[in-house]
Amino acid sequence: MKLSRQTKRNLKSIKYFTITTSIGAFFLALIDHGLKPFAMLDDIIIGFLFGFIISSVDIYFFSKRFRRLSFTATLIIRTAFFTLVAAILIILVGILNLGARFGKQYYDVIRDNGGTMMDYIKSEEFSDIIIYLILLSFIINFILQINKLLGQNVMLNYLRGKYQTPLEEELIFMFLDLKSSTTIAEKLGLVKNHEFLNDFFHDMTEPILEYKGNIYQYVGDEVVLTWKPQEGIEYNNCINCFFAIQNKILLKKDYYLNNYGVYPEFKAGLHIGPVITGEMGEIKKDIVYHGDTINTAARIQAECNNFRKRVLISEDLNNELDLKGYYSTESMGNIILRGKEKELELISVEEIQPEMNNLVASSQVS
């Protein structure tokens, strides 16, 4: 059975989180107990199981069920769950270890007042451990929630100070804009339109991650995505991403029609070029991009309506991609974009076999 890239990415996340918690448990055991084999083994087992359970539940349950909860509610629920799992694992591993070491039935380990397990659970030491777990779980979840709030890799870049000094780099930009957004907003009303956009942005997240895109910002009904050249050009990821989002929305078309009476249709413009990236702001800091590349990508997207095309890309980006065999392209000719002086050739992109294209791309990556 062949695993999808989404499943592979999930398993990879579980693996790394489990390894991290296991290593953390090893060093904690070293600090608390020194080189005592049984104590170290207990802590490493607890760390391994904790990492595996928490990351699995987080990916396959929390991320899907609790996405509409507030920051505070999510933080409290996740902290309580993390603490509960860790406490149960400490007790279970302790029972199994004592039973194995002293040749007792596991029930006897719990029941025997002289067998120390119940005494340990009632002890001040165990209470201190629970308090420690609550604080640790709170800190871990707070960091995870803030990281999610800031966006992909933003916290890491802040901590590294990567963009404290402005840096010139080359990026691919996609401006993806919802069609007929004003009409939809008037039809749905403010609150319902917000829910509609939130569902749309949520549903596009998986394809964006699948094709290595980064969400730069949401601007009204528009999403700005970026790729580093190597990641966006590889397997035509930046183009695959658009059509993967389209396919995902089409699969959920009935959901949108039943809940909103409309479903999202959208267009996109893409361009590649140099930008200046750096931190900006005082009261509110942001990592921002400046340069003609961004303006050009936005202007290309604006031309989609004029040419009645879903995707337009610049000649510069087209020259970097290998679209032959996967997509059909058509030159729109050289045009002068609004606010520009130089002509730029625009190329439209369409799928040759919409139902097969993503399968071909997946086989290439695998």
Protein backbone atom coordinates (compact mmCIF):
# COMPACT_ATOMS: atom_id res chain seq x y z
CA MET A 1 0.00 0.00 0.00
CA LYS A 2 1.41 3.33 -1.07
CA LEU A 3 1.26 6.14 1.49
CA SER A 4 0.15 9.60 0.44
CA ARG A 5 2.50 12.52 0.99
CA GLN A 6 0.10 13.86 3.63
CA THR A 7 0.36 10.58 5.56
CA LYS A 8 4.14 10.54 5.15
CA ARG A 9 4.36 14.09 6.48
CA ASN A 10 2.16 13.22 9.46
CA LEU A 11 4.25 10.15 10.27
CA LYS A 12 7.40 12.24 9.97
CA SER A 13 6.01 14.79 12.45
CA ILE A 14 5.08 12.01 14.88
CA LYS A 15 8.55 10.50 14.55
CA TYR A 16 10.40 13.74 15.25
CA PHE A 17 8.17 14.68 18.20
CA THR A 18 8.55 11.20 19.69
CA ILE A 19 12.33 11.27 19.30
CA THR A 20 12.45 14.74 20.90
CA THR A 21 10.39 13.71 23.94
CA SER A 22 12.44 10.51 24.34
CA ILE A 23 15.72 12.45 24.31
CA GLY A 24 14.25 15.02 26.71
CA ALA A 25 13.16 12.23 29.06
CA PHE A 26 16.66 10.71 28.93
CA PHE A 27 18.32 13.95 30.03
CA LEU A 28 15.71 14.54 32.75
CA ALA A 29 16.37 11.03 34.06
CA LEU A 30 20.09 11.71 33.99
CA ILE A 31 19.62 14.88 36.04
CA ASP A 32 17.14 13.36 38.53
CA HIS A 33 18.50 9.84 38.98
CA GLY A 34 22.01 9.76 37.57
CA LEU A 35 23.12 6.56 35.86
CA LYS A 36 20.45 4.28 37.34
CA PRO A 37 19.37 1.89 34.59
CA PHE A 38 15.82 1.11 35.79
CA ALA A 39 14.95 4.74 36.52
CA MET A 40 16.38 5.88 33.18
CA LEU A 41 14.55 3.14 31.29
CA ASP A 42 11.25 4.10 32.93
CA ASP A 43 11.65 7.75 31.99
CA ILE A 44 12.68 6.99 28.40
CA ILE A 45 9.69 4.67 27.93
CA ILE A 46 7.39 7.35 29.35
CA GLY A 47 8.96 9.98 27.08
CA PHE A 48 8.59 7.75 24.02
CA LEU A 49 4.96 6.83 24.69
CA PHE A 50 4.09 10.40 25.65
CA GLY A 51 5.53 11.79 22.41
CA PHE A 52 3.86 9.15 20.26
CA ILE A 53 0.41 9.48 21.85
CA ILE A 54 0.40 13.27 22.05
CA SER A 55 1.62 13.87 18.48
CA SER A 56 -0.78 11.27 17.04
CA VAL A 57 -3.81 12.69 18.86
CA ASP A 58 -2.76 16.24 17.99
CA ILE A 59 -2.48 15.51 14.25
CA TYR A 60 -5.49 13.24 13.83
CA PHE A 61 -7.89 14.67 16.42
CA PHE A 62 -7.12 18.10 17.90
CA SER A 63 -6.23 19.77 14.60
CA LYS A 64 -9.56 18.69 13.08
CA ARG A 65 -11.98 18.91 16.01
CA PHE A 66 -10.83 21.99 17.91
CA ARG A 67 -9.91 24.44 15.16
CA ARG A 68 -12.90 26.69 15.92
CA LEU A 69 -12.17 26.96 19.65
CA SER A 70 -10.63 30.09 21.11
CA PHE A 71 -6.92 30.32 21.87
CA THR A 72 -7.57 30.08 25.63
CA ALA A 73 -9.99 27.14 25.40
CA THR A 74 -7.62 25.22 23.13
CA LEU A 75 -4.70 25.94 25.46
CA ILE A 76 -6.60 24.69 28.54
CA ILE A 77 -7.91 21.52 26.86
CA ARG A 78 -4.53 20.60 25.38
CA THR A 79 -2.70 21.31 28.65
CA ALA A 80 -5.16 19.13 30.59
CA PHE A 81 -4.83 16.32 28.04
CA PHE A 82 -1.02 16.46 27.97
CA THR A 83 -0.91 16.36 31.79
CA LEU A 84 -3.41 13.49 32.01
CA VAL A 85 -1.53 11.36 29.47
CA ALA A 86 1.81 11.95 31.21
CA ALA A 87 0.37 11.15 34.66
CA ILE A 88 -1.28 7.93 33.46
CA LEU A 89 1.94 6.82 31.74
CA ILE A 90 3.99 7.48 34.88
CA ILE A 91 1.60 5.35 36.93
CA LEU A 92 1.30 2.52 34.38
CA VAL A 93 5.03 2.26 33.71
CA GLY A 94 5.67 2.35 37.46
CA ILE A 95 3.20 -0.49 38.04
CA LEU A 96 4.66 -2.60 35.23
CA ASN A 97 8.20 -1.97 36.44
CA LEU A 98 7.47 -2.85 40.07
CA GLY A 99 5.56 -5.95 39.05
CA ALA A 100 8.44 -7.15 36.87
CA ARG A 101 11.15 -6.37 39.43
CA PHE A 102 9.43 -7.98 42.45
CA GLY A 103 7.54 -10.75 40.69
CA LYS A 104 4.12 -9.47 41.76
CA GLN A 105 0.83 -9.45 39.94
CA TYR A 106 0.07 -5.95 38.71
CA TYR A 107 -3.13 -5.83 40.79
CA ASP A 108 -1.13 -6.66 43.90
CA VAL A 109 1.28 -3.84 43.15
CA ILE A 110 -1.64 -1.40 43.24
CA ARG A 111 -3.41 -2.97 46.22
CA ASP A 112 -0.47 -3.75 48.49
CA ASN A 113 -0.01 -0.83 50.86
CA GLY A 114 3.47 -2.06 51.53
CA GLY A 115 4.18 -2.27 47.82
CA THR A 116 4.67 1.48 47.59
CA MET A 117 2.68 2.24 44.40
CA MET A 118 -0.45 3.59 46.08
CA ASP A 119 1.72 5.28 48.66
CA TYR A 120 3.69 6.91 45.88
CA ILE A 121 0.54 8.18 44.14
CA LYS A 122 -0.60 9.74 47.42
CA SER A 123 2.81 11.19 48.17
CA GLU A 124 3.91 14.81 48.03
CA GLU A 125 6.51 13.84 45.43
CA PHE A 126 3.82 12.68 42.99
CA SER A 127 1.84 15.88 43.62
CA ASP A 128 4.95 17.89 42.79
CA ILE A 129 5.35 15.89 39.57
CA ILE A 130 1.74 16.67 38.57
CA ILE A 131 2.30 20.39 39.18
CA TYR A 132 5.50 20.19 37.13
CA LEU A 133 3.63 18.40 34.32
CA ILE A 134 0.89 21.03 34.28
CA LEU A 135 3.43 23.85 33.99
CA LEU A 136 5.46 22.01 31.35
CA SER A 137 2.36 21.10 29.34
CA PHE A 138 1.15 24.70 29.51
CA ILE A 139 4.49 26.05 28.26
CA ILE A 140 4.71 23.50 25.42
CA ASN A 141 1.16 24.18 24.27
CA PHE A 142 1.52 27.94 24.60
CA ILE A 143 4.58 27.84 22.34
CA LEU A 144 2.82 25.54 19.85
CA GLN A 145 -0.25 27.80 19.75
CA ILE A 146 1.80 30.98 19.34
CA ASN A 147 3.81 29.30 16.57
CA LYS A 148 0.56 28.40 14.82
CA LEU A 149 -0.72 31.95 15.27
CA LEU A 150 2.43 33.51 13.81
CA GLY A 151 2.67 31.10 10.87
CA GLN A 152 5.09 28.59 9.41
CA ASN A 153 8.69 29.04 10.60
CA VAL A 154 8.04 32.65 11.72
CA MET A 155 8.84 32.04 15.40
CA LEU A 156 11.98 30.12 14.47
CA ASN A 157 13.10 32.96 12.21
CA TYR A 158 12.45 35.48 14.99
CA LEU A 159 14.46 33.45 17.49
CA ARG A 160 17.32 33.00 15.04
CA GLY A 161 17.23 36.69 14.16
CA LYS A 162 17.38 35.63 10.53
CA TYR A 163 15.72 38.78 9.20
CA GLN A 164 16.78 41.30 11.84
CA THR A 165 19.10 42.64 9.17
CA PRO A 166 17.24 42.93 5.82
CA LEU A 167 18.14 40.09 3.49
CA GLU A 168 17.80 39.90 -0.28
CA GLU A 169 16.46 36.57 -1.51
CA GLU A 170 14.63 35.14 -4.48
CA LEU A 171 11.10 33.85 -3.98
CA ILE A 172 8.08 32.67 -5.92
CA PHE A 173 4.87 34.51 -5.08
CA MET A 174 1.31 33.40 -5.71
CA PHE A 175 -1.57 35.82 -5.24
CA LEU A 176 -4.72 33.69 -5.00
CA ASP A 177 -7.97 35.64 -5.07
CA LEU A 178 -11.59 34.59 -4.59
CA LYS A 179 -13.88 35.30 -7.54
CA SER A 180 -17.10 37.29 -7.06
CA SER A 181 -16.15 37.98 -3.46
CA THR A 182 -18.25 41.15 -3.18
CA THR A 183 -21.36 39.38 -4.47
CA ILE A 184 -20.80 36.47 -2.09
CA ALA A 185 -20.27 38.80 0.88
CA GLU A 186 -23.49 40.69 0.12
CA LYS A 187 -25.41 37.43 -0.19
CA LEU A 188 -24.08 35.80 2.97
CA GLY A 189 -23.71 38.75 5.30
CA LEU A 190 -20.68 39.61 7.42
CA VAL A 191 -20.69 36.70 9.89
CA LYS A 192 -21.61 33.98 7.39
CA ASN A 193 -19.09 35.33 4.89
CA HIS A 194 -16.38 35.16 7.56
CA GLU A 195 -17.26 31.50 8.20
CA PHE A 196 -17.22 30.85 4.45
CA LEU A 197 -13.74 32.37 4.07
CA ASN A 198 -12.50 30.55 7.17
CA ASP A 199 -13.62 27.21 5.73
CA PHE A 200 -12.03 28.07 2.40
CA PHE A 201 -8.70 29.03 3.97
CA HIS A 202 -8.79 25.93 6.17
CA ASP A 203 -9.45 23.61 3.23
CA MET A 204 -6.57 25.02 1.21
CA THR A 205 -4.06 24.49 4.03
CA GLU A 206 -3.43 20.80 3.35
CA PRO A 207 -2.62 21.28 -0.38
CA ILE A 208 -0.38 24.23 0.48
CA LEU A 209 1.63 22.13 2.92
CA GLU A 210 1.55 19.19 0.51
CA TYR A 211 3.30 21.26 -2.14
CA LYS A 212 5.73 23.01 0.23
CA GLY A 213 4.10 26.43 0.10
CA ASN A 214 4.22 29.05 2.85
CA ILE A 215 1.29 31.28 3.75
CA TYR A 216 2.61 34.83 3.86
CA GLN A 217 -0.66 36.59 4.66
CA TYR A 218 -4.41 36.70 4.28
CA VAL A 219 -5.66 39.99 2.83
CA GLY A 220 -9.45 40.08 2.86
CA ASP A 221 -10.48 37.31 0.47
CA GLU A 222 -6.97 36.94 -0.94
CA VAL A 223 -4.13 34.64 0.13
CA VAL A 224 -0.48 35.32 -0.61
CA LEU A 225 1.75 32.24 -0.82
CA THR A 226 5.51 31.98 -1.19
CA TRP A 227 8.04 29.32 -2.13
CA LYS A 228 11.78 29.22 -2.10
CA PRO A 229 12.72 28.71 -5.78
CA GLN A 230 14.01 25.16 -5.36
CA GLU A 231 10.89 24.01 -3.49
CA GLY A 232 8.43 25.80 -5.77
CA ILE A 233 10.06 24.73 -9.04
CA GLU A 234 10.68 21.12 -7.98
CA TYR A 235 7.97 18.92 -9.56
CA ASN A 236 6.13 22.16 -10.48
CA ASN A 237 5.00 22.43 -6.86
CA CYS A 238 3.82 26.04 -7.12
CA ILE A 239 1.51 25.14 -10.02
CA ASN A 240 0.45 21.79 -8.58
CA CYS A 241 -0.58 23.64 -5.43
CA PHE A 242 -3.18 25.75 -7.22
CA PHE A 243 -4.85 22.79 -8.90
CA ALA A 244 -4.65 20.69 -5.72
CA ILE A 245 -6.55 23.45 -3.90
CA GLN A 246 -9.07 23.51 -6.75
CA ASN A 247 -9.54 19.73 -6.57
CA LYS A 248 -9.93 19.86 -2.78
CA ILE A 249 -12.65 22.50 -3.07
CA LEU A 250 -14.46 20.56 -5.80
CA LEU A 251 -14.50 17.49 -3.53
CA LYS A 252 -16.21 19.63 -0.88
CA LYS A 253 -18.50 21.44 -3.32
CA ASP A 254 -21.65 19.88 -1.84
CA TYR A 255 -20.60 20.97 1.66
CA TYR A 256 -20.24 24.58 0.55
CA LEU A 257 -23.50 24.57 -1.41
CA ASN A 258 -25.42 23.04 1.51
CA ASN A 259 -23.98 25.47 4.06
CA TYR A 260 -23.52 28.66 2.06
CA GLY A 261 -25.35 28.26 -1.25
CA VAL A 262 -22.11 28.99 -3.13
CA TYR A 263 -18.69 27.41 -3.39
CA PRO A 264 -15.28 29.09 -3.76
CA GLU A 265 -13.98 29.78 -7.24
CA PHE A 266 -10.66 31.52 -7.51
CA LYS A 267 -7.84 32.71 -9.72
CA ALA A 268 -4.10 33.17 -9.23
CA GLY A 269 -1.09 35.02 -10.55
CA LEU A 270 2.49 33.83 -10.02
CA HIS A 271 5.87 35.46 -10.46
CA ILE A 272 9.46 34.82 -9.40
CA GLY A 273 12.10 37.37 -8.53
CA PRO A 274 14.19 39.09 -5.85
CA VAL A 275 12.72 40.68 -2.72
CA ILE A 276 14.05 42.26 0.44
CA THR A 277 12.96 40.34 3.54
CA GLY A 278 13.21 41.83 7.01
CA GLU A 279 11.59 42.50 10.36
CA MET A 280 9.49 45.64 10.50
CA GLY A 281 7.49 47.44 13.17
CA GLU A 282 7.88 48.33 16.83
CA ILE A 283 4.65 47.72 18.74
CA LYS A 284 3.78 44.89 16.32
CA LYS A 285 6.67 43.22 14.57
CA ASP A 286 6.28 41.37 11.31
CA ILE A 287 8.56 39.69 8.80
CA VAL A 288 7.69 41.46 5.55
CA TYR A 289 8.71 41.38 1.89
CA HIS A 290 9.43 44.42 -0.24
CA GLY A 291 10.17 44.62 -3.93
CA ASP A 292 8.79 44.84 -7.43
CA THR A 293 8.33 41.05 -7.54
CA ILE A 294 5.39 41.25 -5.14
CA ASN A 295 3.69 44.06 -7.03
CA THR A 296 4.18 42.22 -10.32
CA ALA A 297 2.63 39.01 -8.97
CA ALA A 298 -0.39 40.99 -7.74
CA ARG A 299 -0.76 42.72 -11.11
CA ILE A 300 -0.55 39.37 -12.93
CA GLN A 301 -3.37 38.02 -10.79
CA ALA A 302 -5.45 41.09 -11.64
CA GLU A 303 -5.13 40.22 -15.36
CA CYS A 304 -6.89 36.86 -14.89
CA ASN A 305 -10.30 38.48 -15.29
CA ASN A 306 -9.27 40.32 -18.46
CA PHE A 307 -8.07 37.11 -20.12
CA ARG A 308 -10.75 34.89 -18.48
CA LYS A 309 -8.05 32.57 -17.15
CA ARG A 310 -7.70 30.81 -13.80
CA VAL A 311 -3.90 30.86 -13.62
CA LEU A 312 -1.45 33.28 -15.17
CA ILE A 313 2.30 33.12 -14.67
CA SER A 314 5.15 35.33 -15.79
CA GLU A 315 7.56 34.36 -18.52
CA ASP A 316 10.35 34.37 -15.91
CA LEU A 317 8.62 31.68 -13.87
CA ASN A 318 7.57 29.69 -16.92
CA ASN A 319 11.22 29.48 -18.01
CA GLU A 320 12.10 27.88 -14.66
CA LEU A 321 9.32 25.29 -14.67
CA ASP A 322 8.98 22.05 -16.62
CA LEU A 323 5.27 22.06 -17.44
CA LYS A 324 5.37 20.04 -20.65
CA GLY A 325 3.39 16.83 -20.36
CA TYR A 326 1.59 17.93 -17.21
CA TYR A 327 -0.01 21.22 -18.18
CA SER A 328 -1.02 23.04 -21.33
CA THR A 329 0.27 26.58 -21.65
CA GLU A 330 -0.77 29.49 -23.83
CA SER A 331 0.98 32.80 -24.28
CA MET A 332 -1.21 35.83 -23.64
CA GLY A 333 1.37 38.00 -25.37
CA ASN A 334 3.47 40.84 -24.04
CA ILE A 335 1.48 43.32 -22.00
CA ILE A 336 2.21 46.32 -19.85
CA LEU A 337 0.89 45.68 -16.36
CA ARG A 338 -0.83 48.49 -14.49
CA GLY A 339 1.77 50.76 -12.91
CA LYS A 340 4.62 49.26 -14.97
CA GLU A 341 6.62 50.56 -17.89
CA LYS A 342 8.20 47.39 -19.27
CA GLU A 343 6.24 44.76 -21.14
CA LEU A 344 5.94 41.30 -19.61
CA GLU A 345 4.82 38.11 -21.32
CA LEU A 346 2.06 36.29 -19.47
CA ILE A 347 1.32 32.59 -19.86
CA SER A 348 -1.89 30.82 -18.90
CA VAL A 349 -1.70 27.33 -17.40
CA GLU A 350 -4.34 24.59 -17.54
CA GLU A 351 -4.31 20.94 -16.55
CA ILE A 352 -4.08 18.40 -19.35
CA GLN A 353 -5.64 15.60 -17.29
CA PRO A 354 -7.04 17.14 -14.12
CA GLU A 355 -7.77 13.81 -12.45
CA MET A 356 -4.30 12.37 -13.15
CA ASN A 357 -1.91 15.27 -12.76
CA ASN A 358 -1.57 15.13 -8.98
CA LEU A 359 -1.02 11.37 -9.12
CA VAL A 360 1.86 11.88 -11.55
CA ALA A 361 3.41 14.54 -9.32
CA SER A 362 3.02 12.30 -6.26
CA SER A 363 4.78 9.41 -8.01
CA GLN A 364 7.67 11.72 -8.89
CA VAL A 365 8.17 12.77 -5.27
CA SER A 366 7.82 9.23 -3.98
